[in-house]
Amino acid sequence: MLDGATFARLRTLRFSEDADNVRFDARAGRMYVGYGSGALAVVDAASGDSLGSISLPAHPEAFELETNGPRAFVNIPDAGEVGGPRPEEGPPAHDLEALGARRQLPDGPR
């Protein structure tokens, strides 16, 4: 984690592998990191403390947080689905809602 004003390193967060997607939820004060063979890490944005993780059926290739709602739309191509876990309900959330789409990226115009 970096200081927003000075860019000084405050803390190093470690994930198992392939941590390549990060999203910030200003409303909840949380960061979400897609990583490993299937998880979204939930991190307190102020402290960098882990709040847990949300299990997914395979590695998340991309995800977007719902603007006016509680879900994260996650592209999970190895499972052939786009899912919508509810991060605000707290980890672990295993109620992944498959939307039936395949190989779609939820990254689009903001």
C-alpha atoms as a PDB file:
ATOM      1  CA  MET A   1       0.000   0.000   0.000  1.00  0.00           C
ATOM      2  CA  LEU A   2       1.210   3.492  -0.800  1.00  0.00           C
ATOM      3  CA  ASP A   3       0.558   6.806   0.907  1.00  0.00           C
ATOM      4  CA  GLY A   4      -1.784   8.770  -1.364  1.00  0.00           C
ATOM      5  CA  ALA A   5       0.095  12.055  -0.929  1.00  0.00           C
ATOM      6  CA  THR A   6       3.757  11.000  -0.905  1.00  0.00           C
ATOM      7  CA  PHE A   7       3.592   7.582  -2.597  1.00  0.00           C
ATOM      8  CA  ALA A   8       5.748   6.235   0.228  1.00  0.00           C
ATOM      9  CA  ARG A   9       5.287   2.516   0.821  1.00  0.00           C
ATOM     10  CA  LEU A  10       3.159   1.943   3.914  1.00  0.00           C
ATOM     11  CA  ARG A  11       2.667  -1.789   3.810  1.00  0.00           C
ATOM     12  CA  THR A  12       3.198  -4.812   1.600  1.00  0.00           C
ATOM     13  CA  LEU A  13       0.212  -7.076   1.049  1.00  0.00           C
ATOM     14  CA  ARG A  14       0.967 -10.665   0.083  1.00  0.00           C
ATOM     15  CA  PHE A  15      -1.275 -12.999  -1.887  1.00  0.00           C
ATOM     16  CA  SER A  16      -0.672 -16.567  -3.022  1.00  0.00           C
ATOM     17  CA  GLU A  17      -0.243 -15.832  -6.742  1.00  0.00           C
ATOM     18  CA  ASP A  18      -1.515 -13.927  -9.745  1.00  0.00           C
ATOM     19  CA  ALA A  19      -2.871 -10.934  -7.812  1.00  0.00           C
ATOM     20  CA  ASP A  20      -3.559  -8.766 -10.830  1.00  0.00           C
ATOM     21  CA  ASN A  21      -6.890  -6.994 -10.370  1.00  0.00           C
ATOM     22  CA  VAL A  22      -7.566  -4.419  -7.652  1.00  0.00           C
ATOM     23  CA  ARG A  23     -10.720  -2.382  -7.087  1.00  0.00           C
ATOM     24  CA  PHE A  24     -11.455   0.257  -4.429  1.00  0.00           C
ATOM     25  CA  ASP A  25     -14.888   0.708  -2.857  1.00  0.00           C
ATOM     26  CA  ALA A  26     -14.841   4.221  -1.383  1.00  0.00           C
ATOM     27  CA  ARG A  27     -18.283   3.781   0.146  1.00  0.00           C
ATOM     28  CA  ALA A  28     -17.205   0.728   2.168  1.00  0.00           C
ATOM     29  CA  GLY A  29     -13.552   1.758   2.607  1.00  0.00           C
ATOM     30  CA  ARG A  30     -12.400  -1.563   1.210  1.00  0.00           C
ATOM     31  CA  MET A  31     -10.098  -2.836  -1.493  1.00  0.00           C
ATOM     32  CA  TYR A  32     -10.783  -6.056  -3.381  1.00  0.00           C
ATOM     33  CA  VAL A  33      -7.978  -8.048  -4.982  1.00  0.00           C
ATOM     34  CA  GLY A  34      -8.529 -10.912  -7.428  1.00  0.00           C
ATOM     35  CA  TYR A  35      -5.902 -13.608  -6.958  1.00  0.00           C
ATOM     36  CA  GLY A  36      -4.877 -17.246  -6.926  1.00  0.00           C
ATOM     37  CA  SER A  37      -6.867 -20.182  -8.168  1.00  0.00           C
ATOM     38  CA  GLY A  38     -10.140 -18.503  -7.220  1.00  0.00           C
ATOM     39  CA  ALA A  39     -10.608 -15.730  -4.679  1.00  0.00           C
ATOM     40  CA  LEU A  40     -11.245 -12.061  -4.051  1.00  0.00           C
ATOM     41  CA  ALA A  41      -9.334 -10.742  -1.040  1.00  0.00           C
ATOM     42  CA  VAL A  42     -11.166  -8.140   1.043  1.00  0.00           C
ATOM     43  CA  VAL A  43      -8.813  -5.548   2.566  1.00  0.00           C
ATOM     44  CA  ASP A  44      -9.472  -2.599   4.879  1.00  0.00           C
ATOM     45  CA  ALA A  45      -8.275   0.334   2.762  1.00  0.00           C
ATOM     46  CA  ALA A  46      -7.179   2.459   5.734  1.00  0.00           C
ATOM     47  CA  SER A  47      -5.141  -0.121   7.630  1.00  0.00           C
ATOM     48  CA  GLY A  48      -4.313  -2.738   5.008  1.00  0.00           C
ATOM     49  CA  ASP A  49      -5.655  -5.437   7.314  1.00  0.00           C
ATOM     50  CA  SER A  50      -7.188  -8.495   5.703  1.00  0.00           C
ATOM     51  CA  LEU A  51     -10.933  -8.788   6.234  1.00  0.00           C
ATOM     52  CA  GLY A  52     -11.010 -12.241   4.648  1.00  0.00           C
ATOM     53  CA  SER A  53     -11.642 -13.539   1.168  1.00  0.00           C
ATOM     54  CA  ILE A  54     -14.505 -14.551  -1.063  1.00  0.00           C
ATOM     55  CA  SER A  55     -14.111 -17.994  -2.611  1.00  0.00           C
ATOM     56  CA  LEU A  56     -14.644 -18.343  -6.357  1.00  0.00           C
ATOM     57  CA  PRO A  57     -14.742 -21.507  -8.499  1.00  0.00           C
ATOM     58  CA  ALA A  58     -11.619 -20.476 -10.498  1.00  0.00           C
ATOM     59  CA  HIS A  59      -9.202 -17.567 -11.008  1.00  0.00           C
ATOM     60  CA  PRO A  60     -10.954 -14.202 -11.537  1.00  0.00           C
ATOM     61  CA  GLU A  61      -9.751 -12.622 -14.770  1.00  0.00           C
ATOM     62  CA  ALA A  62     -11.492  -9.300 -14.196  1.00  0.00           C
ATOM     63  CA  PHE A  63     -14.173  -7.809 -11.994  1.00  0.00           C
ATOM     64  CA  GLU A  64     -16.117  -4.626 -11.404  1.00  0.00           C
ATOM     65  CA  LEU A  65     -17.924  -3.421  -8.316  1.00  0.00           C
ATOM     66  CA  GLU A  66     -21.591  -2.619  -8.770  1.00  0.00           C
ATOM     67  CA  THR A  67     -21.977   1.182  -8.660  1.00  0.00           C
ATOM     68  CA  ASN A  68     -25.247   1.336  -6.763  1.00  0.00           C
ATOM     69  CA  GLY A  69     -25.465  -2.100  -5.255  1.00  0.00           C
ATOM     70  CA  PRO A  70     -23.732  -4.764  -3.210  1.00  0.00           C
ATOM     71  CA  ARG A  71     -22.229  -7.054  -5.859  1.00  0.00           C
ATOM     72  CA  ALA A  72     -18.923  -7.559  -7.586  1.00  0.00           C
ATOM     73  CA  PHE A  73     -19.338  -8.833 -11.140  1.00  0.00           C
ATOM     74  CA  VAL A  74     -16.497 -11.294 -11.646  1.00  0.00           C
ATOM     75  CA  ASN A  75     -15.351 -12.857 -14.919  1.00  0.00           C
ATOM     76  CA  ILE A  76     -14.384 -16.478 -14.187  1.00  0.00           C
ATOM     77  CA  PRO A  77     -13.561 -17.931 -17.630  1.00  0.00           C
ATOM     78  CA  ASP A  78     -12.148 -21.264 -16.418  1.00  0.00           C
ATOM     79  CA  ALA A  79     -15.503 -21.929 -14.737  1.00  0.00           C
ATOM     80  CA  GLY A  80     -17.397 -20.572 -17.768  1.00  0.00           C
ATOM     81  CA  GLU A  81     -19.303 -17.990 -15.775  1.00  0.00           C
ATOM     82  CA  VAL A  82     -19.666 -14.417 -14.704  1.00  0.00           C
ATOM     83  CA  GLY A  83     -20.592 -14.329 -11.043  1.00  0.00           C
ATOM     84  CA  GLY A  84     -21.957 -11.765  -8.638  1.00  0.00           C
ATOM     85  CA  PRO A  85     -20.831 -12.337  -5.037  1.00  0.00           C
ATOM     86  CA  ARG A  86     -21.933  -9.795  -2.429  1.00  0.00           C
ATOM     87  CA  PRO A  87     -18.753  -8.415  -0.804  1.00  0.00           C
ATOM     88  CA  GLU A  88     -20.577  -6.226   1.728  1.00  0.00           C
ATOM     89  CA  GLU A  89     -22.179  -9.260   3.357  1.00  0.00           C
ATOM     90  CA  GLY A  90     -18.710 -10.167   4.549  1.00  0.00           C
ATOM     91  CA  PRO A  91     -16.438 -13.019   3.660  1.00  0.00           C
ATOM     92  CA  PRO A  92     -16.665 -15.835   2.999  1.00  0.00           C
ATOM     93  CA  ALA A  93     -19.579 -15.459   0.581  1.00  0.00           C
ATOM     94  CA  HIS A  94     -20.248 -18.703  -1.247  1.00  0.00           C
ATOM     95  CA  ASP A  95     -23.550 -17.692  -2.845  1.00  0.00           C
ATOM     96  CA  LEU A  96     -22.094 -17.035  -6.287  1.00  0.00           C
ATOM     97  CA  GLU A  97     -24.866 -16.221  -8.749  1.00  0.00           C
ATOM     98  CA  ALA A  98     -23.954 -17.522 -12.193  1.00  0.00           C
ATOM     99  CA  LEU A  99     -25.448 -15.222 -14.784  1.00  0.00           C
ATOM    100  CA  GLY A 100     -25.099 -17.663 -17.654  1.00  0.00           C
ATOM    101  CA  ALA A 101     -22.644 -15.558 -19.682  1.00  0.00           C
ATOM    102  CA  ARG A 102     -19.447 -17.136 -20.986  1.00  0.00           C
ATOM    103  CA  ARG A 103     -16.121 -15.476 -21.668  1.00  0.00           C
ATOM    104  CA  GLN A 104     -17.429 -11.975 -21.088  1.00  0.00           C
ATOM    105  CA  LEU A 105     -15.348  -9.328 -19.366  1.00  0.00           C
ATOM    106  CA  PRO A 106     -17.276  -7.124 -16.942  1.00  0.00           C
ATOM    107  CA  ASP A 107     -14.833  -4.266 -17.573  1.00  0.00           C
ATOM    108  CA  GLY A 108     -16.625  -1.698 -19.646  1.00  0.00           C
ATOM    109  CA  PRO A 109     -17.219   2.021 -19.819  1.00  0.00           C
ATOM    110  CA  ARG A 110     -17.533   3.588 -16.414  1.00  0.00           C
END
